Amino acid sequence: MRSKSLPGAGDSLFHNNGDGTFTNVSKKAGVSDPEGRYGLGAIWTDVDNDGWLDLFVANDATGNYLYHNKKDGTFAEIACRPACLSMMTAFPSVPWAPR
């Protein structure tokens, strides 16, 4: 039996302008989720120990996203290794790092 995903609306990332306002930088940063998957949770973690936070987004019944920080305000979606998929699907709010 195939799992059906809940309808989604894309993901959003906001930049704090420091004056009480925020700017939506989702598209500029490359994390907008144009497929509109239903996001269940997200965490910031440094998956490659380069000192820059990467972003993991767990989605419902569809593929998850692992965004690698390109150190310029943008992210590149990279494939999750099997350990990433199983660990982060089961515990989307628990930070982790590869060993």
Protein backbone atom coordinates (compact mmCIF):
# COMPACT_ATOMS: atom_id res chain seq x y z
CA MET A 1 0.00 0.00 0.00
CA ARG A 2 1.37 3.41 -0.98
CA SER A 3 1.42 6.16 1.64
CA LYS A 4 -0.34 9.37 0.74
CA SER A 5 1.16 12.65 1.81
CA LEU A 6 -0.79 15.53 3.24
CA PRO A 7 -1.02 18.55 0.92
CA GLY A 8 1.76 21.04 1.55
CA ALA A 9 2.43 24.68 0.83
CA GLY A 10 6.21 24.96 0.51
CA ASP A 11 8.75 25.99 3.15
CA SER A 12 9.70 29.42 4.42
CA LEU A 13 12.92 30.88 5.81
CA PHE A 14 12.96 34.38 7.27
CA HIS A 15 15.89 36.73 7.85
CA ASN A 16 15.73 38.84 11.05
CA ASN A 17 16.32 42.44 9.95
CA GLY A 18 17.20 43.49 13.51
CA ASP A 19 14.48 46.13 13.67
CA GLY A 20 11.50 43.98 14.62
CA THR A 21 10.79 42.97 11.01
CA PHE A 22 11.63 39.89 8.97
CA THR A 23 12.29 39.30 5.26
CA ASN A 24 11.26 36.10 3.50
CA VAL A 25 14.48 34.77 1.93
CA SER A 26 13.20 31.28 1.08
CA LYS A 27 13.66 31.50 -2.69
CA LYS A 28 16.89 33.51 -2.51
CA ALA A 29 18.37 30.98 -0.06
CA GLY A 30 17.23 27.99 -2.15
CA VAL A 31 14.99 26.39 0.49
CA SER A 32 11.48 27.31 -0.72
CA ASP A 33 10.36 23.74 -1.56
CA PRO A 34 8.77 24.47 -4.95
CA GLU A 35 7.21 20.96 -4.92
CA GLY A 36 5.07 22.00 -1.96
CA ARG A 37 5.75 19.01 0.25
CA TYR A 38 4.11 18.86 3.68
CA GLY A 39 6.86 19.75 6.14
CA LEU A 40 6.70 18.13 9.57
CA GLY A 41 9.74 19.67 11.23
CA ALA A 42 13.11 21.26 10.66
CA ILE A 43 16.40 21.42 12.51
CA TRP A 44 19.68 23.26 12.09
CA THR A 45 22.76 21.06 12.41
CA ASP A 46 26.30 20.98 11.06
CA VAL A 47 26.22 17.71 9.10
CA ASP A 48 29.77 17.95 7.77
CA ASN A 49 31.46 19.65 10.74
CA ASP A 50 32.57 22.66 8.67
CA GLY A 51 31.37 25.15 11.30
CA TRP A 52 28.32 26.27 9.28
CA LEU A 53 24.77 25.22 10.13
CA ASP A 54 22.96 23.10 7.56
CA LEU A 55 19.18 22.65 7.43
CA PHE A 56 17.23 19.39 7.56
CA VAL A 57 13.50 19.40 6.74
CA ALA A 58 11.43 16.29 7.50
CA ASN A 59 8.42 15.86 5.20
CA ASP A 60 5.30 13.72 5.40
CA ALA A 61 5.36 10.51 3.28
CA THR A 62 7.62 12.19 0.70
CA GLY A 63 11.35 12.70 0.49
CA ASN A 64 13.05 14.82 3.12
CA TYR A 65 15.39 17.71 2.33
CA LEU A 66 18.96 18.16 3.54
CA TYR A 67 20.26 21.61 2.63
CA HIS A 68 24.02 22.16 2.79
CA ASN A 69 25.07 25.67 3.79
CA LYS A 70 27.10 27.24 0.95
CA LYS A 71 28.43 29.94 3.34
CA ASP A 72 26.98 32.78 1.25
CA GLY A 73 23.39 32.91 2.50
CA THR A 74 22.29 30.12 0.16
CA PHE A 75 21.87 26.37 0.49
CA ALA A 76 22.25 23.40 -1.86
CA GLU A 77 19.87 20.47 -1.46
CA ILE A 78 21.98 17.32 -1.09
CA ALA A 79 20.94 13.70 -0.85
CA CYS A 80 20.55 12.26 2.63
CA ARG A 81 22.58 9.18 3.41
CA PRO A 82 20.52 6.20 4.68
CA ALA A 83 21.49 7.01 8.29
CA CYS A 84 20.19 10.54 7.82
CA LEU A 85 16.90 9.34 6.39
CA SER A 86 16.13 6.82 9.11
CA MET A 87 17.39 8.88 12.06
CA MET A 88 15.83 12.16 11.01
CA THR A 89 12.52 10.64 9.91
CA ALA A 90 12.13 8.98 13.27
CA PHE A 91 13.36 11.95 15.34
CA PRO A 92 12.94 15.19 13.33
CA SER A 93 13.50 17.42 16.36
CA VAL A 94 16.66 15.78 17.70
CA PRO A 95 19.97 17.27 16.46
CA TRP A 96 22.60 14.82 15.28
CA ALA A 97 25.98 14.78 13.64
CA PRO A 98 27.68 12.08 11.54
CA ARG A 99 30.48 10.16 13.18
